[in-house]
Protein backbone atom coordinates (compact mmCIF):
# COMPACT_ATOMS: atom_id res chain seq x y z
CA MET A 1 118.53 105.27 86.39
CA LYS A 2 116.36 108.38 86.38
CA GLU A 3 114.67 109.35 89.66
CA GLN A 4 110.97 110.13 89.65
CA ASN A 5 109.55 113.22 91.27
CA ASP A 6 107.64 111.89 94.31
CA ASP A 7 105.53 115.06 94.48
CA ARG A 8 103.63 114.18 91.30
CA PRO A 9 100.67 111.85 91.77
CA SER A 10 100.70 108.63 89.80
CA ALA A 11 97.90 108.00 87.34
CA SER A 12 96.12 105.78 89.88
CA ALA A 13 96.53 108.36 92.66
CA ARG A 14 94.86 111.27 90.83
CA PHE A 15 91.92 112.92 92.51
CA ALA A 16 88.59 111.84 91.04
CA VAL A 17 86.38 114.50 92.65
CA PHE A 18 88.51 117.57 93.38
CA ARG A 19 90.91 117.68 90.46
CA GLY A 20 92.47 120.96 91.63
CA PHE A 21 94.32 119.04 94.33
CA GLU A 22 96.63 117.54 91.76
CA ASP A 23 98.26 120.94 91.36
CA GLU A 24 97.94 124.08 93.46
CA LEU A 25 95.87 122.65 96.32
CA ARG A 26 97.93 119.55 97.06
CA TRP A 27 98.72 120.88 100.56
CA ALA A 28 95.10 120.40 101.66
CA ALA A 29 95.22 116.65 101.05
CA ARG A 30 97.43 116.39 104.14
CA SER A 31 95.69 119.10 106.15
CA THR A 32 94.29 118.43 109.61
CA PHE A 33 92.57 121.83 109.68
CA GLN A 34 88.81 121.96 110.00
CA LEU A 35 86.95 122.64 106.78
CA ASP A 36 85.55 126.16 107.02
CA ARG A 37 83.80 128.57 104.63
CA LYS A 38 87.05 129.77 103.07
CA SER A 39 88.52 126.31 102.44
CA ALA A 40 85.13 124.98 101.30
CA ALA A 41 85.00 127.72 98.67
CA GLU A 42 88.30 126.42 97.24
CA LEU A 43 86.94 122.88 96.81
CA LYS A 44 85.41 123.15 93.39
CA SER A 45 83.61 120.22 91.79
CA ARG A 46 81.78 119.78 88.50
CA ASP A 47 78.84 118.39 90.46
CA PRO A 48 76.71 121.14 92.08
CA LEU A 49 75.47 118.74 94.78
CA VAL A 50 79.06 117.96 95.82
CA THR A 51 79.78 121.69 95.98
CA ARG A 52 76.66 122.24 98.11
CA ILE A 53 77.58 119.41 100.52
CA VAL A 54 81.11 120.78 100.93
CA SER A 55 79.71 124.25 101.52
CA GLU A 56 77.33 122.98 104.22
CA LEU A 57 80.16 121.03 105.89
CA GLY A 58 82.30 124.19 105.83
CA GLU A 59 79.52 126.25 107.42
CA ARG A 60 79.47 123.86 110.38
CA ARG A 61 83.25 123.33 110.73
CA ALA A 62 82.36 119.71 111.43
CA ILE A 63 85.21 117.80 109.83
CA SER A 64 88.80 118.24 108.67
CA VAL A 65 89.74 119.04 105.08
CA LYS A 66 91.65 115.76 104.91
CA GLU A 67 88.61 113.72 106.02
CA VAL A 68 86.40 115.47 103.46
CA LEU A 69 88.85 114.63 100.67
CA GLU A 70 89.27 111.03 101.83
CA SER A 71 85.52 110.47 102.06
CA PHE A 72 84.69 111.98 98.67
CA GLU A 73 87.52 110.17 96.93
CA THR A 74 86.61 106.85 98.60
CA PHE A 75 82.98 107.36 97.58
CA ALA A 76 83.94 108.17 93.98
CA ARG A 77 86.14 105.09 93.64
CA ILE A 78 83.76 102.66 95.36
CA ARG A 79 80.69 104.04 93.61
CA ARG A 80 81.95 102.82 90.24
CA ARG A 81 82.24 99.24 91.51
CA ILE A 82 79.25 98.86 93.81
CA ARG A 83 75.68 99.02 92.57
CA ALA A 84 73.55 97.98 95.51
CA ALA A 85 70.32 99.13 97.09
CA HIS A 86 71.80 98.73 100.60
CA VAL A 87 75.24 100.08 101.49
CA ALA A 88 76.95 99.57 104.86
CA ASP A 89 79.74 101.86 106.05
CA LEU A 90 81.59 99.89 108.73
CA CYS A 91 83.88 101.64 111.23
CA CYS A 92 82.29 104.76 109.81
CA GLY A 93 83.41 107.41 112.29
CA HIS A 94 81.63 110.57 111.12
CA GLY A 95 79.85 108.47 108.52
CA LEU A 96 80.55 110.88 105.66
CA THR A 97 81.35 108.20 103.07
CA GLY A 98 78.12 106.34 103.75
CA LEU A 99 76.15 109.58 103.89
CA LEU A 100 77.48 110.46 100.45
CA PHE A 101 75.92 107.25 99.12
CA ALA A 102 72.58 108.28 100.64
CA ALA A 103 72.81 111.80 99.21
CA ILE A 104 74.35 111.29 95.78
CA GLU A 105 73.73 107.73 94.61
CA ARG A 106 70.05 107.62 93.63
CA ARG A 107 69.98 103.81 93.37
CA VAL A 108 70.85 103.44 97.06
CA GLU A 109 67.72 102.99 99.13
CA ARG A 110 69.32 102.34 102.54
CA VAL A 111 72.64 103.15 104.20
CA THR A 112 73.71 101.58 107.47
CA LEU A 113 76.42 103.42 109.38
CA LEU A 114 78.08 101.17 111.96
CA ASP A 115 80.65 102.07 114.58
CA ARG A 116 81.21 101.65 118.30
CA GLY A 117 80.28 105.24 118.84
CA ALA A 118 80.04 108.46 116.93
CA PRO A 119 82.59 111.29 117.14
CA PRO A 120 81.32 114.45 118.85
CA LYS A 121 80.71 116.31 115.57
CA ALA A 122 79.07 113.44 113.68
CA GLY A 123 75.69 115.11 114.21
CA LEU A 124 76.97 118.23 112.43
CA VAL A 125 78.13 116.12 109.47
CA LEU A 126 74.68 114.54 109.27
CA GLU A 127 73.04 117.96 109.56
CA ALA A 128 75.14 119.29 106.67
CA ILE A 129 74.24 116.35 104.44
CA LEU A 130 70.53 116.68 105.21
CA GLU A 131 70.59 120.42 104.49
CA ALA A 132 72.14 119.77 101.07
CA ALA A 133 70.21 116.55 100.34
CA PRO A 134 67.05 116.27 102.47
CA TRP A 135 65.98 113.08 100.63
CA ALA A 136 68.85 111.24 102.34
CA ALA A 137 67.12 111.34 105.74
CA ASP A 138 64.87 108.35 105.08
CA LYS A 139 67.76 106.25 103.80
CA VAL A 140 70.15 106.45 106.77
CA ARG A 141 70.35 104.21 109.86
CA TRP A 142 73.01 104.74 112.52
CA VAL A 143 74.02 101.68 114.51
CA CYS A 144 76.21 102.40 117.52
CA ALA A 145 77.47 98.99 118.61
CA PRO A 146 80.73 97.09 118.88
CA ILE A 147 82.01 96.08 115.47
CA ARG A 148 81.44 92.42 116.30
CA ALA A 149 77.73 93.32 116.09
CA SER A 150 78.25 93.56 112.33
CA ARG A 151 77.95 89.75 112.28
CA MET A 152 74.39 90.08 113.50
CA ARG A 153 71.46 90.07 111.15
CA PRO A 154 70.31 93.58 110.23
CA SER A 155 66.84 92.79 111.61
CA SER A 156 68.34 92.45 115.10
CA TRP A 157 70.06 95.85 115.03
CA ARG A 158 68.45 98.65 116.93
CA ARG A 159 66.17 100.30 114.39
CA GLN A 160 65.33 103.96 114.21
CA GLU A 161 62.18 105.24 112.57
CA SER A 162 63.95 108.24 111.10
CA VAL A 163 67.48 109.50 110.99
CA ARG A 164 68.70 111.12 114.20
CA SER A 165 72.04 112.41 115.29
CA PRO A 166 74.14 109.63 116.75
């Protein structure tokens, strides 16, 4: 029986957004280093808005390379299956995946980001998204509450008039 090379991604594991990671940049997919200007410049995408968001995130050193890749890839895979006006990102942490829906998916009118609390640099992630995609500001609602609050009706969640840092 012939052994497979475990270093090669399977067809289902290929990167949808940053295709360069299938080859020479595979190391970054496991990186815990903060995204900075230099590493952001290496993340090339066909979509200029994605490139701008990554650049803004790199300027702020707000999130790790690994988290950026995970969020963009999750967004790309979910986006194909979900067509909704309201998207909720539960256990959102920095909220990048949900923020990508607000910034990139034009059909999305509202994004609810829900978590017990926000990480210290979540405000920088939000700032980066709003610099690259200012139209996202009116779409985003942060809800800092225990996850069990997700069973509540959205009308009972603490509302914010405009997006603010968590």
